[in-house]
PDB file of N, CA and C in Angstrom:
ATOM      1  N   MET A   1       4.567  28.322 -88.973  1.00  0.00           N
ATOM      2  CA  MET A   1       3.810  28.490 -87.740  1.00  0.00           C
ATOM      3  C   MET A   1       2.731  27.407 -87.688  1.00  0.00           C
ATOM      4  N   GLN A   2       2.749  26.640 -86.640  1.00  0.00           N
ATOM      5  CA  GLN A   2       1.785  25.559 -86.487  1.00  0.00           C
ATOM      6  C   GLN A   2       0.431  26.100 -86.033  1.00  0.00           C
ATOM      7  N   THR A   3      -0.632  25.603 -86.661  1.00  0.00           N
ATOM      8  CA  THR A   3      -1.986  25.990 -86.277  1.00  0.00           C
ATOM      9  C   THR A   3      -2.360  25.259 -85.000  1.00  0.00           C
ATOM     10  N   ARG A   4      -2.631  26.017 -83.939  1.00  0.00           N
ATOM     11  CA  ARG A   4      -2.997  25.408 -82.659  1.00  0.00           C
ATOM     12  C   ARG A   4      -4.405  25.761 -82.232  1.00  0.00           C
ATOM     13  N   ILE A   5      -4.974  26.822 -82.814  1.00  0.00           N
ATOM     14  CA  ILE A   5      -6.311  27.269 -82.422  1.00  0.00           C
ATOM     15  C   ILE A   5      -7.236  27.156 -83.624  1.00  0.00           C
ATOM     16  N   THR A   6      -8.412  26.592 -83.388  1.00  0.00           N
ATOM     17  CA  THR A   6      -9.461  26.553 -84.396  1.00  0.00           C
ATOM     18  C   THR A   6     -10.654  27.307 -83.832  1.00  0.00           C
ATOM     19  N   LEU A   7     -11.184  28.226 -84.617  1.00  0.00           N
ATOM     20  CA  LEU A   7     -12.381  28.975 -84.244  1.00  0.00           C
ATOM     21  C   LEU A   7     -13.491  28.571 -85.200  1.00  0.00           C
ATOM     22  N   ILE A   8     -14.617  28.177 -84.640  1.00  0.00           N
ATOM     23  CA  ILE A   8     -15.778  27.801 -85.441  1.00  0.00           C
ATOM     24  C   ILE A   8     -16.883  28.796 -85.130  1.00  0.00           C
ATOM     25  N   GLY A   9     -17.383  29.456 -86.159  1.00  0.00           N
ATOM     26  CA  GLY A   9     -18.420  30.467 -85.969  1.00  0.00           C
ATOM     27  C   GLY A   9     -19.182  30.685 -87.251  1.00  0.00           C
ATOM     28  N   LYS A  10     -19.707  31.903 -87.411  1.00  0.00           N
ATOM     29  CA  LYS A  10     -20.408  32.257 -88.642  1.00  0.00           C
ATOM     30  C   LYS A  10     -20.457  33.765 -88.772  1.00  0.00           C
ATOM     31  N   ALA A  11     -20.700  34.220 -89.979  1.00  0.00           N
ATOM     32  CA  ALA A  11     -20.831  35.651 -90.238  1.00  0.00           C
ATOM     33  C   ALA A  11     -22.096  36.177 -89.562  1.00  0.00           C
ATOM     34  N   GLY A  12     -22.030  37.420 -89.111  1.00  0.00           N
ATOM     35  CA  GLY A  12     -23.187  38.048 -88.496  1.00  0.00           C
ATOM     36  C   GLY A  12     -23.423  37.650 -87.052  1.00  0.00           C
ATOM     37  N   CYS A  13     -22.473  37.010 -86.437  1.00  0.00           N
ATOM     38  CA  CYS A  13     -22.573  36.557 -85.045  1.00  0.00           C
ATOM     39  C   CYS A  13     -21.679  37.458 -84.195  1.00  0.00           C
ATOM     40  N   HIS A  14     -22.288  38.281 -83.344  1.00  0.00           N
ATOM     41  CA  HIS A  14     -21.479  39.233 -82.565  1.00  0.00           C
ATOM     42  C   HIS A  14     -20.543  38.527 -81.583  1.00  0.00           C
ATOM     43  N   LEU A  15     -20.950  37.405 -81.020  1.00  0.00           N
ATOM     44  CA  LEU A  15     -20.048  36.660 -80.140  1.00  0.00           C
ATOM     45  C   LEU A  15     -18.867  36.103 -80.933  1.00  0.00           C
ATOM     46  N   CYS A  16     -19.116  35.717 -82.175  1.00  0.00           N
ATOM     47  CA  CYS A  16     -18.036  35.221 -83.035  1.00  0.00           C
ATOM     48  C   CYS A  16     -17.047  36.335 -83.351  1.00  0.00           C
ATOM     49  N   ASP A  17     -17.547  37.543 -83.569  1.00  0.00           N
ATOM     50  CA  ASP A  17     -16.667  38.688 -83.834  1.00  0.00           C
ATOM     51  C   ASP A  17     -15.753  38.946 -82.644  1.00  0.00           C
ATOM     52  N   THR A  18     -16.324  38.904 -81.444  1.00  0.00           N
ATOM     53  CA  THR A  18     -15.540  39.118 -80.228  1.00  0.00           C
ATOM     54  C   THR A  18     -14.524  37.994 -80.042  1.00  0.00           C
ATOM     55  N   ALA A  19     -14.962  36.759 -80.273  1.00  0.00           N
ATOM     56  CA  ALA A  19     -14.058  35.610 -80.149  1.00  0.00           C
ATOM     57  C   ALA A  19     -12.902  35.731 -81.134  1.00  0.00           C
ATOM     58  N   ARG A  20     -13.198  36.139 -82.356  1.00  0.00           N
ATOM     59  CA  ARG A  20     -12.165  36.297 -83.385  1.00  0.00           C
ATOM     60  C   ARG A  20     -11.106  37.300 -82.940  1.00  0.00           C
ATOM     61  N   GLU A  21     -11.538  38.409 -82.367  1.00  0.00           N
ATOM     62  CA  GLU A  21     -10.597  39.422 -81.873  1.00  0.00           C
ATOM     63  C   GLU A  21      -9.705  38.848 -80.775  1.00  0.00           C
ATOM     64  N   THR A  22     -10.307  38.115 -79.849  1.00  0.00           N
ATOM     65  CA  THR A  22      -9.549  37.525 -78.740  1.00  0.00           C
ATOM     66  C   THR A  22      -8.562  36.485 -79.244  1.00  0.00           C
ATOM     67  N   VAL A  23      -9.017  35.606 -80.112  1.00  0.00           N
ATOM     68  CA  VAL A  23      -8.143  34.565 -80.660  1.00  0.00           C
ATOM     69  C   VAL A  23      -6.984  35.196 -81.421  1.00  0.00           C
ATOM     70  N   ALA A  24      -7.270  36.179 -82.255  1.00  0.00           N
ATOM     71  CA  ALA A  24      -6.215  36.835 -83.037  1.00  0.00           C
ATOM     72  C   ALA A  24      -5.188  37.496 -82.126  1.00  0.00           C
ATOM     73  N   LYS A  25      -5.659  38.140 -81.070  1.00  0.00           N
ATOM     74  CA  LYS A  25      -4.757  38.820 -80.133  1.00  0.00           C
ATOM     75  C   LYS A  25      -3.831  37.829 -79.434  1.00  0.00           C
ATOM     76  N   VAL A  26      -4.410  36.778 -78.861  1.00  0.00           N
ATOM     77  CA  VAL A  26      -3.611  35.800 -78.113  1.00  0.00           C
ATOM     78  C   VAL A  26      -2.674  35.044 -79.056  1.00  0.00           C
ATOM     79  N   ALA A  27      -3.162  34.670 -80.221  1.00  0.00           N
ATOM     80  CA  ALA A  27      -2.319  33.956 -81.185  1.00  0.00           C
ATOM     81  C   ALA A  27      -1.123  34.805 -81.598  1.00  0.00           C
ATOM     82  N   ALA A  28      -1.348  36.087 -81.831  1.00  0.00           N
ATOM     83  CA  ALA A  28      -0.251  36.981 -82.216  1.00  0.00           C
ATOM     84  C   ALA A  28       0.757  37.127 -81.080  1.00  0.00           C
ATOM     85  N   GLU A  29       0.258  37.270 -79.857  1.00  0.00           N
ATOM     86  CA  GLU A  29       1.150  37.404 -78.696  1.00  0.00           C
ATOM     87  C   GLU A  29       2.057  36.193 -78.534  1.00  0.00           C
ATOM     88  N   LEU A  30       1.486  35.007 -78.754  1.00  0.00           N
ATOM     89  CA  LEU A  30       2.223  33.768 -78.500  1.00  0.00           C
ATOM     90  C   LEU A  30       2.870  33.187 -79.754  1.00  0.00           C
ATOM     91  N   GLY A  31       2.607  33.792 -80.890  1.00  0.00           N
ATOM     92  CA  GLY A  31       3.204  33.309 -82.129  1.00  0.00           C
ATOM     93  C   GLY A  31       2.684  31.959 -82.578  1.00  0.00           C
ATOM     94  N   VAL A  32       1.393  31.718 -82.359  1.00  0.00           N
ATOM     95  CA  VAL A  32       0.785  30.464 -82.803  1.00  0.00           C
ATOM     96  C   VAL A  32      -0.203  30.753 -83.929  1.00  0.00           C
ATOM     97  N   GLY A  33      -0.405  29.757 -84.761  1.00  0.00           N
ATOM     98  CA  GLY A  33      -1.340  29.903 -85.862  1.00  0.00           C
ATOM     99  C   GLY A  33      -2.757  29.571 -85.437  1.00  0.00           C
ATOM    100  N   TRP A  34      -3.698  30.116 -86.210  1.00  0.00           N
ATOM    101  CA  TRP A  34      -5.095  29.794 -85.964  1.00  0.00           C
ATOM    102  C   TRP A  34      -5.845  29.783 -87.285  1.00  0.00           C
ATOM    103  N   VAL A  35      -6.954  29.082 -87.291  1.00  0.00           N
ATOM    104  CA  VAL A  35      -7.778  28.954 -88.483  1.00  0.00           C
ATOM    105  C   VAL A  35      -9.232  29.124 -88.064  1.00  0.00           C
ATOM    106  N   GLU A  36     -10.044  29.630 -88.990  1.00  0.00           N
ATOM    107  CA  GLU A  36     -11.461  29.832 -88.699  1.00  0.00           C
ATOM    108  C   GLU A  36     -12.302  29.110 -89.737  1.00  0.00           C
ATOM    109  N   TYR A  37     -13.366  28.462 -89.276  1.00  0.00           N
ATOM    110  CA  TYR A  37     -14.320  27.795 -90.149  1.00  0.00           C
ATOM    111  C   TYR A  37     -15.703  28.371 -89.905  1.00  0.00           C
ATOM    112  N   ASP A  38     -16.460  28.550 -90.987  1.00  0.00           N
ATOM    113  CA  ASP A  38     -17.844  29.019 -90.916  1.00  0.00           C
ATOM    114  C   ASP A  38     -18.752  27.796 -90.929  1.00  0.00           C
ATOM    115  N   ILE A  39     -19.617  27.680 -89.939  1.00  0.00           N
ATOM    116  CA  ILE A  39     -20.481  26.500 -89.850  1.00  0.00           C
ATOM    117  C   ILE A  39     -21.431  26.383 -91.036  1.00  0.00           C
ATOM    118  N   ASN A  40     -21.699  27.497 -91.704  1.00  0.00           N
ATOM    119  CA  ASN A  40     -22.591  27.450 -92.859  1.00  0.00           C
ATOM    120  C   ASN A  40     -21.935  26.811 -94.080  1.00  0.00           C
ATOM    121  N   ASP A  41     -20.631  26.628 -94.035  1.00  0.00           N
ATOM    122  CA  ASP A  41     -19.908  26.021 -95.152  1.00  0.00           C
ATOM    123  C   ASP A  41     -19.726  24.519 -94.997  1.00  0.00           C
ATOM    124  N   ASP A  42     -20.127  23.972 -93.860  1.00  0.00           N
ATOM    125  CA  ASP A  42     -19.891  22.553 -93.600  1.00  0.00           C
ATOM    126  C   ASP A  42     -21.063  21.988 -92.798  1.00  0.00           C
ATOM    127  N   PRO A  43     -21.885  21.134 -93.414  1.00  0.00           N
ATOM    128  CA  PRO A  43     -23.055  20.587 -92.715  1.00  0.00           C
ATOM    129  C   PRO A  43     -22.709  19.880 -91.406  1.00  0.00           C
ATOM    130  N   ARG A  44     -21.558  19.218 -91.369  1.00  0.00           N
ATOM    131  CA  ARG A  44     -21.162  18.511 -90.138  1.00  0.00           C
ATOM    132  C   ARG A  44     -20.886  19.497 -89.013  1.00  0.00           C
ATOM    133  N   LEU A  45     -20.169  20.571 -89.325  1.00  0.00           N
ATOM    134  CA  LEU A  45     -19.900  21.591 -88.307  1.00  0.00           C
ATOM    135  C   LEU A  45     -21.199  22.228 -87.837  1.00  0.00           C
ATOM    136  N   LYS A  46     -22.091  22.495 -88.779  1.00  0.00           N
ATOM    137  CA  LYS A  46     -23.373  23.110 -88.425  1.00  0.00           C
ATOM    138  C   LYS A  46     -24.155  22.204 -87.475  1.00  0.00           C
ATOM    139  N   GLU A  47     -24.184  20.928 -87.770  1.00  0.00           N
ATOM    140  CA  GLU A  47     -24.895  19.977 -86.912  1.00  0.00           C
ATOM    141  C   GLU A  47     -24.253  19.886 -85.527  1.00  0.00           C
ATOM    142  N   ASP A  48     -22.935  19.847 -85.492  1.00  0.00           N
ATOM    143  CA  ASP A  48     -22.223  19.658 -84.226  1.00  0.00           C
ATOM    144  C   ASP A  48     -22.181  20.901 -83.345  1.00  0.00           C
ATOM    145  N   TYR A  49     -22.120  22.093 -83.955  1.00  0.00           N
ATOM    146  CA  TYR A  49     -21.804  23.289 -83.173  1.00  0.00           C
ATOM    147  C   TYR A  49     -22.830  24.421 -83.240  1.00  0.00           C
ATOM    148  N   TRP A  50     -23.916  24.252 -83.970  1.00  0.00           N
ATOM    149  CA  TRP A  50     -24.856  25.354 -84.175  1.00  0.00           C
ATOM    150  C   TRP A  50     -25.260  26.055 -82.878  1.00  0.00           C
ATOM    151  N   ASP A  51     -25.567  25.321 -81.851  1.00  0.00           N
ATOM    152  CA  ASP A  51     -26.065  25.905 -80.597  1.00  0.00           C
ATOM    153  C   ASP A  51     -24.976  26.458 -79.697  1.00  0.00           C
ATOM    154  N   THR A  52     -23.721  26.272 -80.048  1.00  0.00           N
ATOM    155  CA  THR A  52     -22.655  26.668 -79.126  1.00  0.00           C
ATOM    156  C   THR A  52     -21.633  27.629 -79.721  1.00  0.00           C
ATOM    157  N   ILE A  53     -21.856  28.118 -80.944  1.00  0.00           N
ATOM    158  CA  ILE A  53     -20.868  29.027 -81.539  1.00  0.00           C
ATOM    159  C   ILE A  53     -20.816  30.350 -80.792  1.00  0.00           C
ATOM    160  N   PRO A  54     -19.647  30.937 -80.774  1.00  0.00           N
ATOM    161  CA  PRO A  54     -18.399  30.443 -81.320  1.00  0.00           C
ATOM    162  C   PRO A  54     -17.793  29.350 -80.437  1.00  0.00           C
ATOM    163  N   VAL A  55     -17.103  28.445 -81.089  1.00  0.00           N
ATOM    164  CA  VAL A  55     -16.413  27.351 -80.410  1.00  0.00           C
ATOM    165  C   VAL A  55     -14.930  27.473 -80.724  1.00  0.00           C
ATOM    166  N   THR A  56     -14.100  27.283 -79.712  1.00  0.00           N
ATOM    167  CA  THR A  56     -12.662  27.242 -79.954  1.00  0.00           C
ATOM    168  C   THR A  56     -12.135  25.861 -79.594  1.00  0.00           C
ATOM    169  N   LEU A  57     -11.196  25.409 -80.405  1.00  0.00           N
ATOM    170  CA  LEU A  57     -10.465  24.178 -80.151  1.00  0.00           C
ATOM    171  C   LEU A  57      -9.001  24.557 -79.995  1.00  0.00           C
ATOM    172  N   VAL A  58      -8.328  23.926 -79.068  1.00  0.00           N
ATOM    173  CA  VAL A  58      -6.889  24.110 -78.904  1.00  0.00           C
ATOM    174  C   VAL A  58      -6.244  22.751 -79.136  1.00  0.00           C
ATOM    175  N   ASP A  59      -5.350  22.715 -80.088  1.00  0.00           N
ATOM    176  CA  ASP A  59      -4.678  21.465 -80.458  1.00  0.00           C
ATOM    177  C   ASP A  59      -5.685  20.368 -80.781  1.00  0.00           C
ATOM    178  N   GLY A  60      -6.783  20.753 -81.431  1.00  0.00           N
ATOM    179  CA  GLY A  60      -7.782  19.795 -81.871  1.00  0.00           C
ATOM    180  C   GLY A  60      -8.775  19.352 -80.822  1.00  0.00           C
ATOM    181  N   ARG A  61      -8.664  19.887 -79.614  1.00  0.00           N
ATOM    182  CA  ARG A  61      -9.570  19.510 -78.520  1.00  0.00           C
ATOM    183  C   ARG A  61     -10.460  20.688 -78.141  1.00  0.00           C
ATOM    184  N   ALA A  62     -11.707  20.398 -77.778  1.00  0.00           N
ATOM    185  CA  ALA A  62     -12.646  21.445 -77.372  1.00  0.00           C
ATOM    186  C   ALA A  62     -12.047  22.275 -76.247  1.00  0.00           C
ATOM    187  N   HIS A  63     -12.205  23.583 -76.369  1.00  0.00           N
ATOM    188  CA  HIS A  63     -11.651  24.483 -75.362  1.00  0.00           C
ATOM    189  C   HIS A  63     -12.738  25.363 -74.746  1.00  0.00           C
ATOM    190  N   ASP A  64     -13.377  26.197 -75.538  1.00  0.00           N
ATOM    191  CA  ASP A  64     -14.413  27.120 -75.046  1.00  0.00           C
ATOM    192  C   ASP A  64     -15.555  27.186 -76.043  1.00  0.00           C
ATOM    193  N   PHE A  65     -16.708  27.637 -75.559  1.00  0.00           N
ATOM    194  CA  PHE A  65     -17.811  27.950 -76.457  1.00  0.00           C
ATOM    195  C   PHE A  65     -18.537  29.170 -75.906  1.00  0.00           C
ATOM    196  N   TRP A  66     -19.282  29.826 -76.769  1.00  0.00           N
ATOM    197  CA  TRP A  66     -20.001  31.074 -76.535  1.00  0.00           C
ATOM    198  C   TRP A  66     -19.067  32.252 -76.299  1.00  0.00           C
ATOM    199  N   ARG A  67     -18.217  32.180 -75.317  1.00  0.00           N
ATOM    200  CA  ARG A  67     -17.285  33.278 -75.042  1.00  0.00           C
ATOM    201  C   ARG A  67     -15.878  32.710 -74.863  1.00  0.00           C
ATOM    202  N   VAL A  68     -14.912  33.421 -75.404  1.00  0.00           N
ATOM    203  CA  VAL A  68     -13.521  32.988 -75.287  1.00  0.00           C
ATOM    204  C   VAL A  68     -12.865  33.823 -74.199  1.00  0.00           C
ATOM    205  N   ASP A  69     -12.404  33.163 -73.160  1.00  0.00           N
ATOM    206  CA  ASP A  69     -11.702  33.844 -72.078  1.00  0.00           C
ATOM    207  C   ASP A  69     -10.231  33.963 -72.459  1.00  0.00           C
ATOM    208  N   GLU A  70      -9.774  35.192 -72.601  1.00  0.00           N
ATOM    209  CA  GLU A  70      -8.406  35.456 -73.057  1.00  0.00           C
ATOM    210  C   GLU A  70      -7.358  34.779 -72.175  1.00  0.00           C
ATOM    211  N   ASN A  71      -7.498  34.904 -70.872  1.00  0.00           N
ATOM    212  CA  ASN A  71      -6.511  34.321 -69.953  1.00  0.00           C
ATOM    213  C   ASN A  71      -6.533  32.796 -69.988  1.00  0.00           C
ATOM    214  N   ARG A  72      -7.723  32.226 -70.083  1.00  0.00           N
ATOM    215  CA  ARG A  72      -7.841  30.766 -70.147  1.00  0.00           C
ATOM    216  C   ARG A  72      -7.231  30.238 -71.446  1.00  0.00           C
ATOM    217  N   LEU A  73      -7.455  30.941 -72.550  1.00  0.00           N
ATOM    218  CA  LEU A  73      -6.876  30.536 -73.829  1.00  0.00           C
ATOM    219  C   LEU A  73      -5.355  30.618 -73.777  1.00  0.00           C
ATOM    220  N   ARG A  74      -4.846  31.702 -73.248  1.00  0.00           N
ATOM    221  CA  ARG A  74      -3.395  31.879 -73.126  1.00  0.00           C
ATOM    222  C   ARG A  74      -2.802  30.758 -72.272  1.00  0.00           C
ATOM    223  N   ALA A  75      -3.458  30.444 -71.152  1.00  0.00           N
ATOM    224  CA  ALA A  75      -2.966  29.391 -70.256  1.00  0.00           C
ATOM    225  C   ALA A  75      -2.956  28.032 -70.952  1.00  0.00           C
ATOM    226  N   ALA A  76      -3.988  27.739 -71.717  1.00  0.00           N
ATOM    227  CA  ALA A  76      -4.044  26.454 -72.422  1.00  0.00           C
ATOM    228  C   ALA A  76      -2.922  26.334 -73.441  1.00  0.00           C
ATOM    229  N   LEU A  77      -2.587  27.438 -74.071  1.00  0.00           N
ATOM    230  CA  LEU A  77      -1.546  27.415 -75.098  1.00  0.00           C
ATOM    231  C   LEU A  77      -0.145  27.367 -74.511  1.00  0.00           C
ATOM    232  N   THR A  78       0.025  27.858 -73.307  1.00  0.00           N
ATOM    233  CA  THR A  78       1.351  27.874 -72.695  1.00  0.00           C
ATOM    234  C   THR A  78       1.564  26.714 -71.730  1.00  0.00           C
ATOM    235  N   ALA A  79       0.506  25.985 -71.391  1.00  0.00           N
ATOM    236  CA  ALA A  79       0.603  24.895 -70.418  1.00  0.00           C
ATOM    237  C   ALA A  79       1.399  23.712 -70.947  1.00  0.00           C
ATOM    238  N   SER A  80       1.314  23.479 -72.229  1.00  0.00           N
ATOM    239  CA  SER A  80       2.021  22.329 -72.797  1.00  0.00           C
ATOM    240  C   SER A  80       2.310  22.582 -74.263  1.00  0.00           C
ATOM    241  N   GLU A  81       3.253  21.822 -74.749  1.00  0.00           N
ATOM    242  CA  GLU A  81       3.578  21.899 -76.171  1.00  0.00           C
ATOM    243  C   GLU A  81       2.494  21.160 -76.951  1.00  0.00           C
ATOM    244  N   PRO A  82       2.291  21.534 -78.195  1.00  0.00           N
ATOM    245  CA  PRO A  82       1.275  20.848 -78.994  1.00  0.00           C
ATOM    246  C   PRO A  82       1.627  19.385 -79.203  1.00  0.00           C
ATOM    247  N   GLY A  83       0.610  18.550 -79.151  1.00  0.00           N
ATOM    248  CA  GLY A  83       0.805  17.128 -79.383  1.00  0.00           C
ATOM    249  C   GLY A  83       0.703  16.802 -80.860  1.00  0.00           C
ATOM    250  N   PRO A  84       0.762  15.518 -81.193  1.00  0.00           N
ATOM    251  CA  PRO A  84       0.701  15.121 -82.602  1.00  0.00           C
ATOM    252  C   PRO A  84      -0.635  15.442 -83.243  1.00  0.00           C
ATOM    253  N   GLU A  85      -1.691  15.607 -82.436  1.00  0.00           N
ATOM    254  CA  GLU A  85      -3.001  15.917 -82.987  1.00  0.00           C
ATOM    255  C   GLU A  85      -3.225  17.411 -83.148  1.00  0.00           C
ATOM    256  N   ALA A  86      -2.220  18.221 -82.865  1.00  0.00           N
ATOM    257  CA  ALA A  86      -2.348  19.671 -82.978  1.00  0.00           C
ATOM    258  C   ALA A  86      -2.724  20.050 -84.396  1.00  0.00           C
ATOM    259  N   GLY A  87      -3.394  21.166 -84.473  1.00  0.00           N
ATOM    260  CA  GLY A  87      -3.864  21.627 -85.768  1.00  0.00           C
ATOM    261  C   GLY A  87      -5.285  21.171 -85.973  1.00  0.00           C
ATOM    262  N   SER A  88      -5.757  21.320 -87.164  1.00  0.00           N
ATOM    263  CA  SER A  88      -7.138  20.974 -87.426  1.00  0.00           C
ATOM    264  C   SER A  88      -7.251  20.197 -88.720  1.00  0.00           C
ATOM    265  N   ASP A  89      -8.028  19.163 -88.677  1.00  0.00           N
ATOM    266  CA  ASP A  89      -8.295  18.428 -89.901  1.00  0.00           C
ATOM    267  C   ASP A  89      -9.793  18.378 -90.132  1.00  0.00           C
ATOM    268  N   LEU A  90     -10.474  19.478 -89.798  1.00  0.00           N
ATOM    269  CA  LEU A  90     -11.925  19.545 -89.979  1.00  0.00           C
ATOM    270  C   LEU A  90     -12.296  19.474 -91.430  1.00  0.00           C
TER     271      LEU A  90
END
């Protein structure tokens, strides 16, 4: 299963908890992989995303921040096949 969704957040963040539930639901429905990174584990992620977590990337490109819209995420994943940059190399 190819990883197409990246979730960037942190522990103790209620918006991140909600985003995680949404990402897991949509990923399971569509059979796509996803990965989660904690900004506290990576200084670069913390610098880049601290003010906007949770952040979602689809196929390596910025998708949503603060709140994940289930329908918008589903549409992004079904609109096109993943490109060569799909996945995450964070």
